Amino acid sequence: MSSTWEKRRDRLESLPANRLWATRPARRRLVAAGAAALVVLWAGLVVIAQYAPSDLARNVYLSMFGVGLVVGLPVISWLHAATRGAMYLPEQYLDERQRTERHRAYTSAHGATTAVLALLFVLANFVSWQQDGPLSITIPLALIGPTALTLAATHYTMPLLIAGWRLPDLPPDDEDEYEDA
């Protein structure tokens, strides 16, 4: 009897999206769309920082958040299919190649997320020095929740985006060679 995870793996491997996103250039376009969705979320934070507290900041951010969701959720789903569950399934259901891809993606994503946090730290310190002296900064309360949400989205999607970008094309099946002969 097969487990739920094995059924999910089989379903992921047979999805039509696998054929649609089978080549590296197609997956990279998908990753670019996912990165654009993250950029929209980060740009929304800039809007809040600039215009909060106001209805304009709230409405613009919610619109940008909606666009990020409408673009980002299908991209995440398609990338899970394109990576054949390497970032989604438990390790015991992955082959050695998929495990290696997963570990490489998580390692690179850890470095990228660390770079994002370091950039935020430097930016916050730079802004604080520009205002009333060192370590004094006024942060709109409306910025805290969306910042946490955007950081969580970045943290969650970064390994998937990196895996989708790096994943090589699958070798052709042996069955195709026999059919041509």
N, C-alpha and C. Protein backbone atom coordinates (compact mmCIF):
# COMPACT_ATOMS: atom_id res chain seq x y z
N MET A 1 0.85 -1.17 0.00
CA MET A 1 0.00 0.00 0.00
C MET A 1 0.90 1.24 0.00
N SER A 2 0.63 2.15 -0.91
CA SER A 2 1.46 3.34 -1.00
C SER A 2 0.96 4.42 -0.04
N SER A 3 1.91 5.20 0.41
CA SER A 3 1.57 6.25 1.38
C SER A 3 1.06 7.49 0.65
N THR A 4 0.60 8.42 1.43
CA THR A 4 0.11 9.69 0.89
C THR A 4 1.23 10.43 0.17
N TRP A 5 2.44 10.38 0.75
CA TRP A 5 3.57 11.09 0.13
C TRP A 5 3.95 10.46 -1.20
N GLU A 6 3.88 9.13 -1.28
CA GLU A 6 4.19 8.48 -2.55
C GLU A 6 3.16 8.85 -3.61
N LYS A 7 1.90 8.95 -3.21
CA LYS A 7 0.85 9.38 -4.14
C LYS A 7 1.11 10.81 -4.60
N ARG A 8 1.51 11.67 -3.67
CA ARG A 8 1.80 13.06 -4.04
C ARG A 8 2.99 13.12 -4.99
N ARG A 9 4.03 12.31 -4.73
CA ARG A 9 5.18 12.30 -5.62
C ARG A 9 4.78 11.84 -7.01
N ASP A 10 3.99 10.77 -7.08
CA ASP A 10 3.54 10.28 -8.38
C ASP A 10 2.69 11.32 -9.10
N ARG A 11 1.83 12.01 -8.35
CA ARG A 11 0.99 13.05 -8.95
C ARG A 11 1.86 14.21 -9.46
N LEU A 12 2.87 14.59 -8.68
CA LEU A 12 3.76 15.67 -9.11
C LEU A 12 4.51 15.30 -10.38
N GLU A 13 4.92 14.05 -10.48
CA GLU A 13 5.69 13.62 -11.64
C GLU A 13 4.84 13.50 -12.89
N SER A 14 3.53 13.40 -12.73
CA SER A 14 2.67 13.23 -13.91
C SER A 14 1.88 14.49 -14.25
N LEU A 15 2.14 15.59 -13.57
CA LEU A 15 1.41 16.83 -13.85
C LEU A 15 1.76 17.38 -15.23
N PRO A 16 0.78 17.97 -15.92
CA PRO A 16 1.08 18.60 -17.22
C PRO A 16 2.08 19.75 -17.09
N ALA A 17 2.14 20.38 -15.91
CA ALA A 17 3.09 21.48 -15.71
C ALA A 17 4.53 21.01 -15.87
N ASN A 18 4.78 19.73 -15.63
CA ASN A 18 6.14 19.21 -15.80
C ASN A 18 6.59 19.34 -17.25
N ARG A 19 5.69 19.07 -18.19
CA ARG A 19 6.05 19.23 -19.60
C ARG A 19 6.19 20.70 -19.96
N LEU A 20 5.33 21.53 -19.37
CA LEU A 20 5.34 22.96 -19.67
C LEU A 20 6.62 23.62 -19.16
N TRP A 21 7.09 23.20 -18.00
CA TRP A 21 8.28 23.80 -17.39
C TRP A 21 9.47 22.86 -17.41
N ALA A 22 9.54 21.97 -18.39
CA ALA A 22 10.58 20.94 -18.42
C ALA A 22 11.96 21.49 -18.79
N THR A 23 12.02 22.56 -19.54
CA THR A 23 13.32 23.07 -19.97
C THR A 23 13.81 24.15 -19.01
N ARG A 24 15.11 24.30 -18.98
CA ARG A 24 15.71 25.30 -18.09
C ARG A 24 15.27 26.72 -18.42
N PRO A 25 15.23 27.13 -19.70
CA PRO A 25 14.76 28.50 -19.98
C PRO A 25 13.32 28.74 -19.51
N ALA A 26 12.45 27.75 -19.64
CA ALA A 26 11.06 27.91 -19.19
C ALA A 26 11.01 28.04 -17.67
N ARG A 27 11.79 27.22 -16.97
CA ARG A 27 11.82 27.32 -15.50
C ARG A 27 12.40 28.65 -15.06
N ARG A 28 13.38 29.15 -15.78
CA ARG A 28 13.97 30.43 -15.40
C ARG A 28 12.99 31.58 -15.61
N ARG A 29 12.14 31.50 -16.62
CA ARG A 29 11.08 32.51 -16.78
C ARG A 29 10.12 32.43 -15.60
N LEU A 30 9.83 31.22 -15.17
CA LEU A 30 8.95 31.03 -14.02
C LEU A 30 9.58 31.59 -12.75
N VAL A 31 10.87 31.36 -12.57
CA VAL A 31 11.59 31.91 -11.42
C VAL A 31 11.60 33.43 -11.48
N ALA A 32 11.76 34.00 -12.67
CA ALA A 32 11.73 35.45 -12.81
C ALA A 32 10.37 36.01 -12.39
N ALA A 33 9.30 35.31 -12.74
CA ALA A 33 7.96 35.75 -12.32
C ALA A 33 7.82 35.67 -10.80
N GLY A 34 8.36 34.61 -10.19
CA GLY A 34 8.32 34.49 -8.74
C GLY A 34 9.15 35.58 -8.06
N ALA A 35 10.31 35.89 -8.61
CA ALA A 35 11.14 36.95 -8.05
C ALA A 35 10.43 38.30 -8.20
N ALA A 36 9.73 38.49 -9.32
CA ALA A 36 8.98 39.75 -9.50
C ALA A 36 7.87 39.87 -8.45
N ALA A 37 7.23 38.76 -8.11
CA ALA A 37 6.19 38.79 -7.07
C ALA A 37 6.81 39.20 -5.72
N LEU A 38 8.01 38.70 -5.42
CA LEU A 38 8.68 39.11 -4.18
C LEU A 38 9.07 40.58 -4.22
N VAL A 39 9.53 41.05 -5.37
CA VAL A 39 9.90 42.46 -5.50
C VAL A 39 8.68 43.35 -5.27
N VAL A 40 7.52 42.92 -5.74
CA VAL A 40 6.29 43.69 -5.51
C VAL A 40 6.01 43.78 -4.01
N LEU A 41 6.19 42.67 -3.28
CA LEU A 41 5.98 42.71 -1.83
C LEU A 41 6.97 43.66 -1.15
N TRP A 42 8.23 43.61 -1.55
CA TRP A 42 9.23 44.50 -0.96
C TRP A 42 8.96 45.95 -1.32
N ALA A 43 8.50 46.20 -2.55
CA ALA A 43 8.15 47.57 -2.94
C ALA A 43 6.97 48.08 -2.13
N GLY A 44 6.06 47.20 -1.77
CA GLY A 44 4.94 47.60 -0.92
C GLY A 44 5.41 48.11 0.43
N LEU A 45 6.50 47.54 0.93
CA LEU A 45 7.05 48.03 2.21
C LEU A 45 7.58 49.45 2.07
N VAL A 46 8.14 49.75 0.92
CA VAL A 46 8.63 51.10 0.69
C VAL A 46 7.46 52.08 0.67
N VAL A 47 6.36 51.67 0.06
CA VAL A 47 5.16 52.52 0.03
C VAL A 47 4.67 52.79 1.45
N ILE A 48 4.62 51.74 2.27
CA ILE A 48 4.17 51.92 3.65
C ILE A 48 5.12 52.84 4.41
N ALA A 49 6.42 52.63 4.26
CA ALA A 49 7.39 53.46 4.98
C ALA A 49 7.29 54.92 4.56
N GLN A 50 6.96 55.15 3.30
CA GLN A 50 6.89 56.52 2.80
C GLN A 50 5.59 57.24 3.19
N TYR A 51 4.46 56.52 3.13
CA TYR A 51 3.17 57.19 3.25
C TYR A 51 2.36 56.83 4.50
N ALA A 52 2.82 55.91 5.32
CA ALA A 52 2.04 55.52 6.51
C ALA A 52 2.11 56.63 7.54
N PRO A 53 1.16 56.82 8.36
CA PRO A 53 -0.17 56.20 8.36
C PRO A 53 -1.12 56.97 7.44
N SER A 54 -1.64 56.29 6.47
CA SER A 54 -2.63 56.90 5.59
C SER A 54 -3.40 55.80 4.88
N ASP A 55 -4.55 56.18 4.36
CA ASP A 55 -5.34 55.22 3.58
C ASP A 55 -4.62 54.87 2.28
N LEU A 56 -3.89 55.84 1.74
CA LEU A 56 -3.15 55.59 0.51
C LEU A 56 -2.15 54.45 0.70
N ALA A 57 -1.39 54.50 1.79
CA ALA A 57 -0.40 53.45 2.05
C ALA A 57 -1.08 52.10 2.19
N ARG A 58 -2.17 52.06 2.94
CA ARG A 58 -2.88 50.79 3.13
C ARG A 58 -3.43 50.25 1.82
N ASN A 59 -4.09 51.10 1.05
CA ASN A 59 -4.71 50.65 -0.19
C ASN A 59 -3.69 50.22 -1.23
N VAL A 60 -2.62 50.98 -1.35
CA VAL A 60 -1.58 50.62 -2.32
C VAL A 60 -0.90 49.32 -1.90
N TYR A 61 -0.59 49.19 -0.60
CA TYR A 61 0.05 47.96 -0.15
C TYR A 61 -0.86 46.75 -0.35
N LEU A 62 -2.12 46.87 -0.01
CA LEU A 62 -3.03 45.74 -0.18
C LEU A 62 -3.17 45.36 -1.66
N SER A 63 -3.15 46.35 -2.53
CA SER A 63 -3.19 46.06 -3.97
C SER A 63 -1.92 45.34 -4.41
N MET A 64 -0.79 45.82 -3.93
CA MET A 64 0.48 45.18 -4.28
C MET A 64 0.57 43.77 -3.70
N PHE A 65 0.07 43.60 -2.49
CA PHE A 65 0.04 42.28 -1.86
C PHE A 65 -0.84 41.33 -2.67
N GLY A 66 -1.99 41.82 -3.13
CA GLY A 66 -2.88 41.00 -3.96
C GLY A 66 -2.21 40.57 -5.26
N VAL A 67 -1.50 41.50 -5.90
CA VAL A 67 -0.78 41.16 -7.14
C VAL A 67 0.30 40.13 -6.83
N GLY A 68 1.01 40.32 -5.72
CA GLY A 68 2.04 39.35 -5.33
C GLY A 68 1.47 37.96 -5.11
N LEU A 69 0.29 37.89 -4.49
CA LEU A 69 -0.36 36.59 -4.27
C LEU A 69 -0.84 35.96 -5.57
N VAL A 70 -1.48 36.77 -6.41
CA VAL A 70 -2.02 36.25 -7.67
C VAL A 70 -0.91 35.71 -8.56
N VAL A 71 0.23 36.36 -8.54
CA VAL A 71 1.37 35.88 -9.34
C VAL A 71 2.13 34.80 -8.59
N GLY A 72 2.37 35.01 -7.29
CA GLY A 72 3.26 34.14 -6.53
C GLY A 72 2.72 32.74 -6.25
N LEU A 73 1.47 32.62 -5.92
CA LEU A 73 0.94 31.29 -5.57
C LEU A 73 0.97 30.30 -6.74
N PRO A 74 0.54 30.68 -7.95
CA PRO A 74 0.69 29.72 -9.06
C PRO A 74 2.15 29.41 -9.37
N VAL A 75 3.01 30.43 -9.25
CA VAL A 75 4.44 30.19 -9.51
C VAL A 75 5.00 29.17 -8.54
N ILE A 76 4.64 29.30 -7.26
CA ILE A 76 5.12 28.34 -6.26
C ILE A 76 4.62 26.94 -6.60
N SER A 77 3.37 26.82 -6.95
CA SER A 77 2.80 25.52 -7.31
C SER A 77 3.50 24.93 -8.52
N TRP A 78 3.70 25.73 -9.55
CA TRP A 78 4.35 25.24 -10.77
C TRP A 78 5.82 24.90 -10.51
N LEU A 79 6.49 25.66 -9.65
CA LEU A 79 7.88 25.34 -9.34
C LEU A 79 7.99 24.04 -8.55
N HIS A 80 7.03 23.80 -7.66
CA HIS A 80 7.04 22.50 -6.97
C HIS A 80 6.89 21.37 -7.98
N ALA A 81 6.03 21.55 -8.96
CA ALA A 81 5.87 20.54 -9.99
C ALA A 81 7.13 20.43 -10.86
N ALA A 82 7.71 21.57 -11.23
CA ALA A 82 8.88 21.56 -12.11
C ALA A 82 10.10 20.95 -11.44
N THR A 83 10.21 21.10 -10.12
CA THR A 83 11.34 20.50 -9.40
C THR A 83 11.01 19.08 -8.97
N ARG A 84 9.86 18.59 -9.36
CA ARG A 84 9.38 17.24 -9.07
C ARG A 84 9.35 16.95 -7.57
N GLY A 85 8.99 17.96 -6.81
CA GLY A 85 8.81 17.80 -5.37
C GLY A 85 10.09 17.80 -4.57
N ALA A 86 11.21 18.17 -5.18
CA ALA A 86 12.48 18.13 -4.45
C ALA A 86 12.49 19.06 -3.24
N MET A 87 11.69 20.11 -3.28
CA MET A 87 11.65 21.04 -2.16
C MET A 87 10.42 20.84 -1.29
N TYR A 88 9.58 19.90 -1.65
CA TYR A 88 8.27 19.75 -1.02
C TYR A 88 8.11 18.43 -0.28
N LEU A 89 8.59 17.37 -0.88
CA LEU A 89 8.40 16.04 -0.32
C LEU A 89 9.39 15.75 0.81
N PRO A 90 9.03 14.88 1.75
CA PRO A 90 10.00 14.46 2.77
C PRO A 90 11.20 13.75 2.13
N GLU A 91 12.34 13.84 2.79
CA GLU A 91 13.57 13.32 2.20
C GLU A 91 13.54 11.84 1.87
N GLN A 92 12.82 11.04 2.64
CA GLN A 92 12.83 9.60 2.37
C GLN A 92 12.17 9.26 1.03
N TYR A 93 11.43 10.20 0.45
CA TYR A 93 10.77 9.95 -0.83
C TYR A 93 11.54 10.56 -2.00
N LEU A 94 12.72 11.09 -1.75
CA LEU A 94 13.54 11.69 -2.79
C LEU A 94 14.70 10.77 -3.13
N ASP A 95 15.13 10.82 -4.39
CA ASP A 95 16.32 10.08 -4.74
C ASP A 95 17.56 10.93 -4.39
N GLU A 96 18.73 10.35 -4.58
CA GLU A 96 19.97 11.02 -4.16
C GLU A 96 20.17 12.34 -4.90
N ARG A 97 19.85 12.40 -6.18
CA ARG A 97 20.00 13.63 -6.96
C ARG A 97 19.09 14.73 -6.40
N GLN A 98 17.85 14.38 -6.09
CA GLN A 98 16.91 15.36 -5.54
C GLN A 98 17.34 15.84 -4.16
N ARG A 99 17.88 14.94 -3.36
CA ARG A 99 18.38 15.36 -2.04
C ARG A 99 19.54 16.34 -2.18
N THR A 100 20.43 16.06 -3.11
CA THR A 100 21.56 16.95 -3.35
C THR A 100 21.07 18.32 -3.82
N GLU A 101 20.11 18.33 -4.73
CA GLU A 101 19.56 19.60 -5.21
C GLU A 101 18.92 20.38 -4.07
N ARG A 102 18.19 19.66 -3.22
CA ARG A 102 17.53 20.31 -2.08
C ARG A 102 18.56 20.94 -1.15
N HIS A 103 19.62 20.21 -0.80
CA HIS A 103 20.63 20.73 0.11
C HIS A 103 21.36 21.92 -0.49
N ARG A 104 21.67 21.85 -1.79
CA ARG A 104 22.33 22.98 -2.45
C ARG A 104 21.42 24.21 -2.44
N ALA A 105 20.14 24.01 -2.73
CA ALA A 105 19.20 25.14 -2.76
C ALA A 105 19.05 25.75 -1.37
N TYR A 106 18.92 24.91 -0.34
CA TYR A 106 18.78 25.45 1.02
C TYR A 106 20.03 26.19 1.46
N THR A 107 21.20 25.67 1.10
CA THR A 107 22.45 26.34 1.46
C THR A 107 22.54 27.70 0.79
N SER A 108 22.25 27.75 -0.50
CA SER A 108 22.30 29.03 -1.22
C SER A 108 21.23 29.99 -0.72
N ALA A 109 20.04 29.48 -0.43
CA ALA A 109 18.96 30.33 0.06
C ALA A 109 19.29 30.89 1.43
N HIS A 110 19.97 30.11 2.26
CA HIS A 110 20.39 30.61 3.57
C HIS A 110 21.32 31.80 3.39
N GLY A 111 22.27 31.68 2.47
CA GLY A 111 23.17 32.80 2.20
C GLY A 111 22.44 34.01 1.65
N ALA A 112 21.48 33.78 0.74
CA ALA A 112 20.73 34.90 0.16
C ALA A 112 19.85 35.58 1.20
N THR A 113 19.21 34.80 2.05
CA THR A 113 18.36 35.38 3.09
C THR A 113 19.22 36.14 4.11
N THR A 114 20.40 35.63 4.41
CA THR A 114 21.32 36.34 5.29
C THR A 114 21.73 37.67 4.67
N ALA A 115 21.96 37.67 3.36
CA ALA A 115 22.30 38.91 2.67
C ALA A 115 21.14 39.92 2.74
N VAL A 116 19.91 39.45 2.59
CA VAL A 116 18.75 40.33 2.70
C VAL A 116 18.67 40.94 4.10
N LEU A 117 18.85 40.11 5.12
CA LEU A 117 18.80 40.62 6.49
C LEU A 117 19.94 41.60 6.77
N ALA A 118 21.12 41.31 6.24
CA ALA A 118 22.25 42.24 6.42
C ALA A 118 21.97 43.56 5.72
N LEU A 119 21.38 43.50 4.53
CA LEU A 119 21.03 44.72 3.81
C LEU A 119 20.00 45.54 4.59
N LEU A 120 19.01 44.87 5.17
CA LEU A 120 18.02 45.57 5.99
C LEU A 120 18.68 46.22 7.20
N PHE A 121 19.62 45.53 7.82
CA PHE A 121 20.33 46.08 8.97
C PHE A 121 21.11 47.34 8.58
N VAL A 122 21.85 47.24 7.47
CA VAL A 122 22.63 48.39 7.01
C VAL A 122 21.71 49.54 6.63
N LEU A 123 20.62 49.24 5.95
CA LEU A 123 19.67 50.27 5.54
C LEU A 123 19.04 50.96 6.76
N ALA A 124 18.65 50.16 7.76
CA ALA A 124 18.06 50.75 8.97
C ALA A 124 19.07 51.64 9.69
N ASN A 125 20.32 51.22 9.76
CA ASN A 125 21.34 52.05 10.40
C ASN A 125 21.62 53.32 9.60
N PHE A 126 21.63 53.20 8.29
CA PHE A 126 21.85 54.38 7.44
C PHE A 126 20.72 55.39 7.63
N VAL A 127 19.48 54.89 7.61
CA VAL A 127 18.33 55.78 7.79
C VAL A 127 18.35 56.41 9.18
N SER A 128 18.74 55.64 10.19
CA SER A 128 18.75 56.20 11.55
C SER A 128 19.80 57.30 11.68
N TRP A 129 20.91 57.20 11.00
CA TRP A 129 21.93 58.24 11.07
C TRP A 129 21.49 59.49 10.32
N GLN A 130 20.60 59.33 9.34
CA GLN A 130 20.13 60.46 8.56
C GLN A 130 19.08 61.27 9.32
N GLN A 131 18.44 60.66 10.30
CA GLN A 131 17.37 61.35 11.02
C GLN A 131 17.96 62.14 12.19
N ASP A 132 17.65 61.78 13.40
CA ASP A 132 17.99 62.58 14.58
C ASP A 132 19.27 62.13 15.27
N GLY A 133 20.16 61.50 14.58
CA GLY A 133 21.38 61.04 15.22
C GLY A 133 21.43 59.52 15.21
N PRO A 134 22.51 58.98 15.78
CA PRO A 134 22.70 57.54 15.72
C PRO A 134 21.62 56.77 16.50
N LEU A 135 21.18 55.71 15.88
CA LEU A 135 20.26 54.75 16.49
C LEU A 135 18.92 55.35 16.90
N SER A 136 18.49 56.38 16.23
CA SER A 136 17.14 56.89 16.46
C SER A 136 16.40 56.85 15.13
N ILE A 137 15.36 56.08 15.09
CA ILE A 137 14.61 55.92 13.85
C ILE A 137 13.13 55.79 14.21
N THR A 138 12.31 56.38 13.40
CA THR A 138 10.88 56.30 13.59
C THR A 138 10.34 55.30 12.59
N ILE A 139 9.76 54.22 13.10
CA ILE A 139 9.21 53.18 12.23
C ILE A 139 7.70 53.20 12.38
N PRO A 140 6.98 53.34 11.27
CA PRO A 140 5.52 53.28 11.38
C PRO A 140 5.09 51.89 11.87
N LEU A 141 4.18 51.88 12.79
CA LEU A 141 3.68 50.62 13.33
C LEU A 141 3.06 49.76 12.22
N ALA A 142 2.52 50.41 11.21
CA ALA A 142 1.91 49.70 10.09
C ALA A 142 2.93 48.91 9.28
N LEU A 143 4.20 49.14 9.50
CA LEU A 143 5.25 48.46 8.75
C LEU A 143 5.66 47.12 9.35
N ILE A 144 5.38 46.90 10.60
CA ILE A 144 5.89 45.72 11.30
C ILE A 144 5.28 44.42 10.76
N GLY A 145 3.97 44.35 10.69
CA GLY A 145 3.31 43.14 10.19
C GLY A 145 3.67 42.81 8.75
N PRO A 146 3.55 43.77 7.81
CA PRO A 146 3.92 43.48 6.43
C PRO A 146 5.40 43.11 6.25
N THR A 147 6.28 43.70 7.08
CA THR A 147 7.69 43.33 6.99
C THR A 147 7.90 41.88 7.40
N ALA A 148 7.25 41.45 8.48
CA ALA A 148 7.36 40.06 8.91
C ALA A 148 6.79 39.13 7.83
N LEU A 149 5.67 39.50 7.24
CA LEU A 149 5.06 38.69 6.18
C LEU A 149 5.97 38.60 4.96
N THR A 150 6.56 39.72 4.58
CA THR A 150 7.44 39.74 3.41
C THR A 150 8.72 38.94 3.67
N LEU A 151 9.27 39.07 4.88
CA LEU A 151 10.45 38.26 5.22
C LEU A 151 10.11 36.76 5.21
N ALA A 152 8.94 36.40 5.73
CA ALA A 152 8.53 34.99 5.72
C ALA A 152 8.35 34.49 4.29
N ALA A 153 7.74 35.29 3.43
CA ALA A 153 7.55 34.89 2.04
C ALA A 153 8.90 34.73 1.34
N THR A 154 9.82 35.63 1.62
CA THR A 154 11.16 35.54 1.03
C THR A 154 11.87 34.30 1.53
N HIS A 155 11.80 34.06 2.83
CA HIS A 155 12.45 32.90 3.43
C HIS A 155 11.88 31.59 2.86
N TYR A 156 10.58 31.53 2.66
CA TYR A 156 9.94 30.31 2.16
C TYR A 156 10.23 30.08 0.68
N THR A 157 10.17 31.12 -0.13
CA THR A 157 10.28 30.93 -1.57
C THR A 157 11.70 30.92 -2.10
N MET A 158 12.64 31.47 -1.35
CA MET A 158 14.01 31.56 -1.85
C MET A 158 14.60 30.19 -2.23
N PRO A 159 14.49 29.14 -1.39
CA PRO A 159 15.03 27.84 -1.81
C PRO A 159 14.36 27.30 -3.08
N LEU A 160 13.08 27.51 -3.20
CA LEU A 160 12.35 27.04 -4.37
C LEU A 160 12.77 27.79 -5.63
N LEU A 161 12.95 29.09 -5.52
CA LEU A 161 13.41 29.88 -6.66
C LEU A 161 14.82 29.47 -7.08
N ILE A 162 15.69 29.25 -6.11
CA ILE A 162 17.06 28.85 -6.42
C ILE A 162 17.08 27.46 -7.06
N ALA A 163 16.29 26.54 -6.52
CA ALA A 163 16.23 25.19 -7.11
C ALA A 163 15.69 25.25 -8.53
N GLY A 164 14.66 26.05 -8.76
CA GLY A 164 14.11 26.18 -10.11
C GLY A 164 15.09 26.80 -11.07
N TRP A 165 15.90 27.73 -10.60
CA TRP A 165 16.89 28.38 -11.46
C TRP A 165 18.03 27.43 -11.82
N ARG A 166 18.49 26.65 -10.86
CA ARG A 166 19.67 25.80 -11.04
C ARG A 166 19.37 24.43 -11.65
N LEU A 167 18.16 23.96 -11.53
CA LEU A 167 17.83 22.59 -11.92
C LEU A 167 18.17 22.34 -13.38
N PRO A 168 19.00 21.32 -13.65
CA PRO A 168 19.31 21.02 -15.05
C PRO A 168 18.13 20.29 -15.71
N ASP A 169 18.14 20.30 -17.02
CA ASP A 169 17.12 19.55 -17.75
C ASP A 169 17.31 18.07 -17.47
N LEU A 170 16.19 17.36 -17.40
CA LEU A 170 16.27 15.92 -17.17
C LEU A 170 16.80 15.23 -18.42
N PRO A 171 17.59 14.16 -18.23
CA PRO A 171 18.06 13.42 -19.40
C PRO A 171 16.87 12.76 -20.09
N PRO A 172 16.98 12.54 -21.40
CA PRO A 172 15.86 11.90 -22.10
C PRO A 172 15.65 10.47 -21.58
N ASP A 173 14.42 10.03 -21.64
CA ASP A 173 14.09 8.68 -21.18
C ASP A 173 14.71 7.65 -22.12
N ASP A 174 15.02 6.48 -21.57
CA ASP A 174 15.55 5.39 -22.38
C ASP A 174 14.50 4.88 -23.36
N GLU A 175 13.23 4.99 -22.99
CA GLU A 175 12.16 4.51 -23.86
C GLU A 175 12.17 5.25 -25.19
N ASP A 176 12.49 6.55 -25.19
CA ASP A 176 12.52 7.32 -26.42
C ASP A 176 13.60 6.81 -27.36
N GLU A 177 14.75 6.37 -26.82
CA GLU A 177 15.82 5.87 -27.65
C GLU A 177 15.40 4.58 -28.34
N TYR A 178 14.67 3.72 -27.62
CA TYR A 178 14.25 2.46 -28.21
C TYR A 178 13.17 2.67 -29.26
N GLU A 179 12.33 3.68 -29.08
CA GLU A 179 11.28 3.94 -30.05
C GLU A 179 11.86 4.47 -31.35
N ASP A 180 12.97 5.23 -31.28
CA ASP A 180 13.57 5.80 -32.48
C ASP A 180 14.31 4.74 -33.29
N ALA A 181 14.76 3.70 -32.64
CA ALA A 181 15.57 2.69 -33.33
C ALA A 181 14.75 1.78 -34.20
